[in-house]
C-alpha atoms as a PDB file:
ATOM      1  CA  MET A   1       0.000   0.000   0.000  1.00  0.00           C
ATOM      2  CA  ALA A   2       2.871   2.368   0.788  1.00  0.00           C
ATOM      3  CA  PHE A   3       4.325   1.660  -2.665  1.00  0.00           C
ATOM      4  CA  VAL A   4       1.072   2.634  -4.384  1.00  0.00           C
ATOM      5  CA  PHE A   5       0.830   5.855  -2.409  1.00  0.00           C
ATOM      6  CA  SER A   6       4.473   6.696  -3.087  1.00  0.00           C
ATOM      7  CA  ILE A   7       4.000   6.795  -6.867  1.00  0.00           C
ATOM      8  CA  ASN A   8       3.163  10.493  -6.530  1.00  0.00           C
ATOM      9  CA  PRO A   9       5.563  11.088  -3.625  1.00  0.00           C
ATOM     10  CA  PRO A  10       6.125  14.796  -3.043  1.00  0.00           C
ATOM     11  CA  ALA A  11       2.659  15.798  -1.911  1.00  0.00           C
ATOM     12  CA  PHE A  12       1.809  12.570  -0.115  1.00  0.00           C
ATOM     13  CA  ILE A  13       5.142  12.240   1.689  1.00  0.00           C
ATOM     14  CA  ALA A  14       5.043  15.862   2.809  1.00  0.00           C
ATOM     15  CA  LEU A  15       1.494  15.469   4.107  1.00  0.00           C
ATOM     16  CA  VAL A  16       2.231  12.249   5.980  1.00  0.00           C
ATOM     17  CA  ALA A  17       5.483  13.633   7.416  1.00  0.00           C
ATOM     18  CA  ALA A  18       3.708  16.753   8.686  1.00  0.00           C
ATOM     19  CA  TYR A  19       1.058  14.723  10.497  1.00  0.00           C
ATOM     20  CA  VAL A  20       3.508  12.151  11.886  1.00  0.00           C
ATOM     21  CA  PHE A  21       6.001  14.697  13.194  1.00  0.00           C
ATOM     22  CA  GLY A  22       3.205  16.849  14.618  1.00  0.00           C
ATOM     23  CA  PHE A  23       1.754  13.845  16.422  1.00  0.00           C
ATOM     24  CA  PHE A  24       5.088  12.684  17.839  1.00  0.00           C
ATOM     25  CA  GLY A  25       6.056  16.231  18.767  1.00  0.00           C
ATOM     26  CA  CYS A  26       2.866  16.737  20.763  1.00  0.00           C
ATOM     27  CA  ALA A  27       3.184  13.329  22.385  1.00  0.00           C
ATOM     28  CA  PHE A  28       6.854  13.329  23.361  1.00  0.00           C
ATOM     29  CA  ILE A  29       8.508  16.779  23.417  1.00  0.00           C
ATOM     30  CA  GLY A  30       6.855  17.888  26.680  1.00  0.00           C
ATOM     31  CA  PRO A  31       7.534  14.685  28.632  1.00  0.00           C
ATOM     32  CA  THR A  32      11.097  14.506  27.324  1.00  0.00           C
ATOM     33  CA  PHE A  33      11.847  18.137  28.165  1.00  0.00           C
ATOM     34  CA  PHE A  34      10.322  17.998  31.643  1.00  0.00           C
ATOM     35  CA  GLY A  35      11.841  14.591  32.360  1.00  0.00           C
ATOM     36  CA  LEU A  36      15.323  15.793  31.480  1.00  0.00           C
ATOM     37  CA  TYR A  37      15.316  19.204  33.109  1.00  0.00           C
ATOM     38  CA  TRP A  38      12.927  19.171  36.063  1.00  0.00           C
ATOM     39  CA  LYS A  39      13.417  17.099  39.209  1.00  0.00           C
ATOM     40  CA  ARG A  40       9.734  17.273  40.120  1.00  0.00           C
ATOM     41  CA  ALA A  41       8.563  15.533  36.924  1.00  0.00           C
ATOM     42  CA  ASN A  42       6.915  12.188  37.607  1.00  0.00           C
ATOM     43  CA  ARG A  43       5.441   9.236  35.755  1.00  0.00           C
ATOM     44  CA  GLN A  44       1.863  10.491  35.960  1.00  0.00           C
ATOM     45  CA  SER A  45       2.766  13.822  34.382  1.00  0.00           C
ATOM     46  CA  ALA A  46       4.617  12.072  31.541  1.00  0.00           C
ATOM     47  CA  TYR A  47       1.609   9.858  30.804  1.00  0.00           C
ATOM     48  CA  ALA A  48      -0.793  12.788  30.960  1.00  0.00           C
ATOM     49  CA  GLY A  49       1.391  14.952  28.733  1.00  0.00           C
ATOM     50  CA  SER A  50       1.797  12.226  26.123  1.00  0.00           C
ATOM     51  CA  ILE A  51      -1.847  11.227  26.006  1.00  0.00           C
ATOM     52  CA  ILE A  52      -3.369  14.708  26.127  1.00  0.00           C
ATOM     53  CA  GLY A  53      -0.842  16.107  23.645  1.00  0.00           C
ATOM     54  CA  ALA A  54      -1.414  13.323  21.120  1.00  0.00           C
ATOM     55  CA  LEU A  55      -5.202  13.306  21.447  1.00  0.00           C
ATOM     56  CA  SER A  56      -5.525  17.073  21.239  1.00  0.00           C
ATOM     57  CA  TYR A  57      -3.348  17.121  18.110  1.00  0.00           C
ATOM     58  CA  ILE A  58      -5.524  14.464  16.463  1.00  0.00           C
ATOM     59  CA  ILE A  59      -8.760  16.223  17.429  1.00  0.00           C
ATOM     60  CA  PHE A  60      -7.721  19.727  16.406  1.00  0.00           C
ATOM     61  CA  SER A  61      -6.116  18.508  13.161  1.00  0.00           C
ATOM     62  CA  PHE A  62      -9.327  16.691  12.269  1.00  0.00           C
ATOM     63  CA  LEU A  63     -11.523  19.685  13.137  1.00  0.00           C
ATOM     64  CA  ASN A  64      -9.289  22.023  11.150  1.00  0.00           C
ATOM     65  CA  THR A  65      -9.069  19.698   8.129  1.00  0.00           C
ATOM     66  CA  LYS A  66     -12.855  19.249   7.971  1.00  0.00           C
ATOM     67  CA  GLY A  67     -13.427  22.984   8.385  1.00  0.00           C
ATOM     68  CA  ILE A  68     -15.491  22.547  11.530  1.00  0.00           C
ATOM     69  CA  VAL A  69     -13.181  24.870  13.462  1.00  0.00           C
ATOM     70  CA  VAL A  70     -10.835  27.318  11.774  1.00  0.00           C
ATOM     71  CA  LEU A  71      -7.804  27.656  14.016  1.00  0.00           C
ATOM     72  CA  PRO A  72      -5.686  30.824  14.127  1.00  0.00           C
ATOM     73  CA  ILE A  73      -2.682  28.744  15.285  1.00  0.00           C
ATOM     74  CA  PRO A  74      -1.525  25.298  14.140  1.00  0.00           C
ATOM     75  CA  ALA A  75      -2.869  22.181  15.826  1.00  0.00           C
ATOM     76  CA  VAL A  76       0.667  21.239  16.858  1.00  0.00           C
ATOM     77  CA  ALA A  77       0.950  24.423  18.948  1.00  0.00           C
ATOM     78  CA  ILE A  78      -2.361  23.666  20.668  1.00  0.00           C
ATOM     79  CA  GLY A  79      -1.316  20.073  21.336  1.00  0.00           C
ATOM     80  CA  MET A  80       2.047  21.056  22.773  1.00  0.00           C
ATOM     81  CA  GLY A  81       0.465  23.749  24.907  1.00  0.00           C
ATOM     82  CA  LEU A  82      -2.131  21.382  26.340  1.00  0.00           C
ATOM     83  CA  SER A  83       0.556  18.751  26.902  1.00  0.00           C
ATOM     84  CA  THR A  84       2.644  21.250  28.860  1.00  0.00           C
ATOM     85  CA  VAL A  85      -0.276  22.484  30.950  1.00  0.00           C
ATOM     86  CA  SER A  86      -1.387  18.943  31.787  1.00  0.00           C
ATOM     87  CA  MET A  87       2.155  18.004  32.799  1.00  0.00           C
ATOM     88  CA  LEU A  88       2.489  21.037  35.059  1.00  0.00           C
ATOM     89  CA  ASN A  89      -0.848  20.246  36.726  1.00  0.00           C
ATOM     90  CA  CYS A  90       0.028  16.577  37.260  1.00  0.00           C
ATOM     91  CA  THR A  91       3.419  17.386  38.768  1.00  0.00           C
ATOM     92  CA  LEU A  92       1.670  19.535  41.347  1.00  0.00           C
ATOM     93  CA  ILE A  93      -1.146  17.064  42.039  1.00  0.00           C
ATOM     94  CA  PHE A  94       0.894  13.842  42.324  1.00  0.00           C
ATOM     95  CA  PRO A  95       3.970  13.294  44.516  1.00  0.00           C
ATOM     96  CA  ALA A  96       7.397  13.974  43.064  1.00  0.00           C
ATOM     97  CA  ALA A  97       9.487  11.148  41.670  1.00  0.00           C
ATOM     98  CA  PRO A  98      11.700   9.400  44.238  1.00  0.00           C
ATOM     99  CA  ARG A  99      15.179  10.829  44.720  1.00  0.00           C
ATOM    100  CA  VAL A 100      16.874   7.672  43.419  1.00  0.00           C
ATOM    101  CA  THR A 101      15.271   8.191  39.985  1.00  0.00           C
ATOM    102  CA  TRP A 102      16.694  11.643  39.313  1.00  0.00           C
ATOM    103  CA  GLU A 103      19.713  11.962  41.597  1.00  0.00           C
ATOM    104  CA  PRO A 104      22.304  10.388  39.227  1.00  0.00           C
ATOM    105  CA  TYR A 105      21.400  12.951  36.547  1.00  0.00           C
ATOM    106  CA  PHE A 106      21.221  16.123  38.659  1.00  0.00           C
ATOM    107  CA  GLU A 107      23.775  15.647  41.443  1.00  0.00           C
ATOM    108  CA  GLY A 108      27.548  15.329  41.258  1.00  0.00           C
ATOM    109  CA  GLU A 109      27.731  12.934  44.192  1.00  0.00           C
ATOM    110  CA  ILE A 110      24.964  10.407  44.762  1.00  0.00           C
ATOM    111  CA  SER A 111      23.766   8.963  48.051  1.00  0.00           C
ATOM    112  CA  GLU A 112      24.433   5.416  49.216  1.00  0.00           C
ATOM    113  CA  GLU A 113      20.784   4.470  48.676  1.00  0.00           C
ATOM    114  CA  THR A 114      20.988   5.564  45.044  1.00  0.00           C
ATOM    115  CA  LYS A 115      24.266   3.668  44.580  1.00  0.00           C
ATOM    116  CA  GLU A 116      22.568   0.499  45.849  1.00  0.00           C
ATOM    117  CA  VAL A 117      19.659   0.951  43.443  1.00  0.00           C
ATOM    118  CA  VAL A 118      21.998   1.591  40.502  1.00  0.00           C
ATOM    119  CA  ASN A 119      24.134  -1.447  41.363  1.00  0.00           C
ATOM    120  CA  LEU A 120      21.028  -3.631  41.705  1.00  0.00           C
ATOM    121  CA  ALA A 121      19.724  -2.439  38.346  1.00  0.00           C
ATOM    122  CA  MET A 122      23.063  -3.054  36.654  1.00  0.00           C
ATOM    123  CA  ARG A 123      23.229  -6.621  37.991  1.00  0.00           C
ATOM    124  CA  ASN A 124      19.821  -7.385  36.489  1.00  0.00           C
ATOM    125  CA  VAL A 125      20.832  -6.135  33.045  1.00  0.00           C
END
């Protein structure tokens, strides 16, 4: 099926690439950014950001494509904004991630508890 659609590649490939990269951007840029640079980020906020970002991108892209809602900004901007807001809310509602999950990435020296967890994880690999 991909071969048949790729016979007229420029328009189709550009359209598919725009939707795919918009979807993945809304689903993963917020959780990746917050997970890398904020100690308070937790699992619940990553799930919420991914799900809400992806779903909002799909919904607003569909509404804009069908002409039901004419958006002044792209659907990807709405999806990323909603992903960010949902992540911020979830980090404040749910408890922060345990220290052993972020300490090796943010601290120069890690505690003995974190060393034990890292050693245990490395033995199981």
